[in-house]
């Protein structure tokens, strides 16, 4: 089993920044991907960003490219999502997820999820 716990959400004005963290515990794999998704009220959960555990590759949704950065600290078993130039449309619950094997962009591609952290961007 893998446990994921997100933190770092909050209320921020448009144009501001937040950094989310995801603490990973339990059994881990040598070839797995860590991803961030988000879900706004009344909308489907959508892919935001992902990173391989080696850090060799990162992936981003078009809507966040150039503003968000995903990174990780293997020693601390933490995955981060640095969010800059936040917009009201970034308001959502942000989830950390992990899967073994190749990159996945769909909610159904991931088996393990955190409980989510709320990000609210005011205009």
Protein backbone atom coordinates (compact mmCIF):
# COMPACT_ATOMS: atom_id res chain seq x y z
CA UNK A 1 0.00 0.00 0.00
CA UNK A 2 1.06 3.56 -0.69
CA UNK A 3 -0.14 6.50 1.38
CA UNK A 4 -0.20 10.05 0.05
CA UNK A 5 -0.88 13.18 2.08
CA UNK A 6 -1.15 16.63 0.48
CA UNK A 7 -0.60 19.94 2.20
CA UNK A 8 0.01 23.59 1.35
CA UNK A 9 -3.33 24.65 -0.05
CA UNK A 10 -5.00 27.91 0.89
CA UNK A 11 -6.45 31.21 -0.27
CA UNK A 12 -4.36 33.45 -2.51
CA UNK A 13 -4.99 36.45 -4.71
CA UNK A 14 -4.73 36.22 -8.47
CA UNK A 15 -1.11 36.56 -9.55
CA UNK A 16 0.15 35.00 -6.34
CA UNK A 17 1.94 31.75 -5.64
CA UNK A 18 1.50 28.60 -3.58
CA UNK A 19 3.56 25.46 -3.13
CA UNK A 20 1.79 22.18 -2.55
CA UNK A 21 3.51 19.18 -1.00
CA UNK A 22 2.71 15.49 -1.17
CA UNK A 23 4.23 13.17 1.43
CA UNK A 24 4.70 9.60 0.22
CA UNK A 25 4.86 6.61 2.55
CA UNK A 26 4.37 2.88 2.41
CA UNK A 27 5.61 0.60 -0.31
CA UNK A 28 7.15 2.42 -3.23
CA UNK A 29 8.34 1.27 -6.64
CA UNK A 30 11.44 1.95 -8.62
CA UNK A 31 9.52 2.77 -11.78
CA UNK A 32 6.55 4.88 -10.81
CA UNK A 33 5.09 8.23 -11.66
CA UNK A 34 3.85 10.91 -9.29
CA UNK A 35 1.09 13.15 -10.56
CA UNK A 36 -1.02 16.10 -9.54
CA UNK A 37 -4.66 16.35 -10.53
CA UNK A 38 -7.29 18.94 -9.67
CA UNK A 39 -11.05 19.01 -9.49
CA UNK A 40 -13.15 22.16 -9.51
CA UNK A 41 -16.78 22.11 -8.35
CA UNK A 42 -19.00 20.50 -10.95
CA UNK A 43 -16.09 19.49 -13.15
CA UNK A 44 -14.18 16.32 -13.88
CA UNK A 45 -10.88 15.65 -12.17
CA UNK A 46 -8.16 16.74 -14.57
CA UNK A 47 -4.46 16.09 -14.98
CA UNK A 48 -2.16 18.95 -13.96
CA UNK A 49 1.41 17.65 -13.87
CA UNK A 50 3.52 14.54 -13.38
CA UNK A 51 7.10 13.54 -12.71
CA UNK A 52 9.03 10.30 -12.78
CA UNK A 53 10.54 9.26 -9.46
CA UNK A 54 13.98 9.63 -11.05
CA UNK A 55 13.05 13.17 -12.06
CA UNK A 56 14.17 12.55 -15.62
CA UNK A 57 10.91 13.69 -17.11
CA UNK A 58 8.07 16.04 -16.26
CA UNK A 59 4.70 16.49 -17.89
CA UNK A 60 2.23 19.38 -17.75
CA UNK A 61 -1.27 20.22 -18.85
CA UNK A 62 -1.30 23.04 -21.40
CA UNK A 63 -3.29 25.22 -19.01
CA UNK A 64 -0.45 25.31 -16.45
CA UNK A 65 2.69 25.17 -18.62
CA UNK A 66 5.05 27.98 -17.79
CA UNK A 67 3.29 28.69 -14.47
CA UNK A 68 3.48 25.42 -12.51
CA UNK A 69 6.53 23.32 -11.74
CA UNK A 70 6.53 19.76 -10.39
CA UNK A 71 9.55 18.50 -8.48
CA UNK A 72 10.47 15.95 -5.82
CA UNK A 73 12.85 15.31 -2.95
CA UNK A 74 13.60 11.58 -2.88
CA UNK A 75 15.35 11.71 0.48
CA UNK A 76 12.33 13.30 2.11
CA UNK A 77 9.84 11.37 -0.02
CA UNK A 78 8.09 14.57 -0.96
CA UNK A 79 6.63 15.74 -4.24
CA UNK A 80 6.00 19.43 -4.80
CA UNK A 81 3.83 21.52 -7.07
CA UNK A 82 5.02 25.11 -7.26
CA UNK A 83 2.19 27.24 -8.61
CA UNK A 84 2.94 30.75 -9.82
CA UNK A 85 0.85 33.45 -11.52
CA UNK A 86 -2.27 31.82 -10.13
CA UNK A 87 -5.59 32.54 -11.79
CA UNK A 88 -9.15 32.25 -10.47
CA UNK A 89 -9.65 29.31 -12.84
CA UNK A 90 -6.95 27.42 -10.92
CA UNK A 91 -9.35 27.19 -7.97
CA UNK A 92 -9.89 23.51 -7.20
CA UNK A 93 -9.09 20.67 -4.85
CA UNK A 94 -5.63 19.43 -5.76
CA UNK A 95 -4.81 15.75 -5.46
CA UNK A 96 -1.58 13.82 -5.47
CA UNK A 97 -1.61 10.40 -7.13
CA UNK A 98 0.83 7.66 -8.07
CA UNK A 99 0.97 4.78 -10.48
CA UNK A 100 3.45 2.15 -11.50
CA UNK A 101 4.65 2.07 -15.09
CA UNK A 102 4.19 4.65 -17.81
CA UNK A 103 2.67 8.11 -17.70
CA UNK A 104 -1.08 8.36 -17.28
CA UNK A 105 -3.29 11.37 -17.88
CA UNK A 106 -6.63 10.00 -16.76
CA UNK A 107 -8.06 9.62 -13.29
CA UNK A 108 -8.60 5.93 -13.95
CA UNK A 109 -4.89 5.45 -14.67
CA UNK A 110 -4.03 5.96 -10.98
CA UNK A 111 -4.70 3.60 -8.11
CA UNK A 112 -3.36 5.57 -5.15
CA UNK A 113 -4.66 9.02 -4.18
CA UNK A 114 -4.30 11.52 -1.41
CA UNK A 115 -7.23 13.21 0.29
CA UNK A 116 -6.74 16.52 -1.54
CA UNK A 117 -5.98 20.09 -0.54
CA UNK A 118 -8.12 23.11 -1.41
CA UNK A 119 -6.64 25.94 -3.46
CA UNK A 120 -8.75 29.08 -3.84
CA UNK A 121 -7.63 31.98 -6.03
CA UNK A 122 -9.52 35.23 -5.58
CA UNK A 123 -9.83 37.81 -8.34
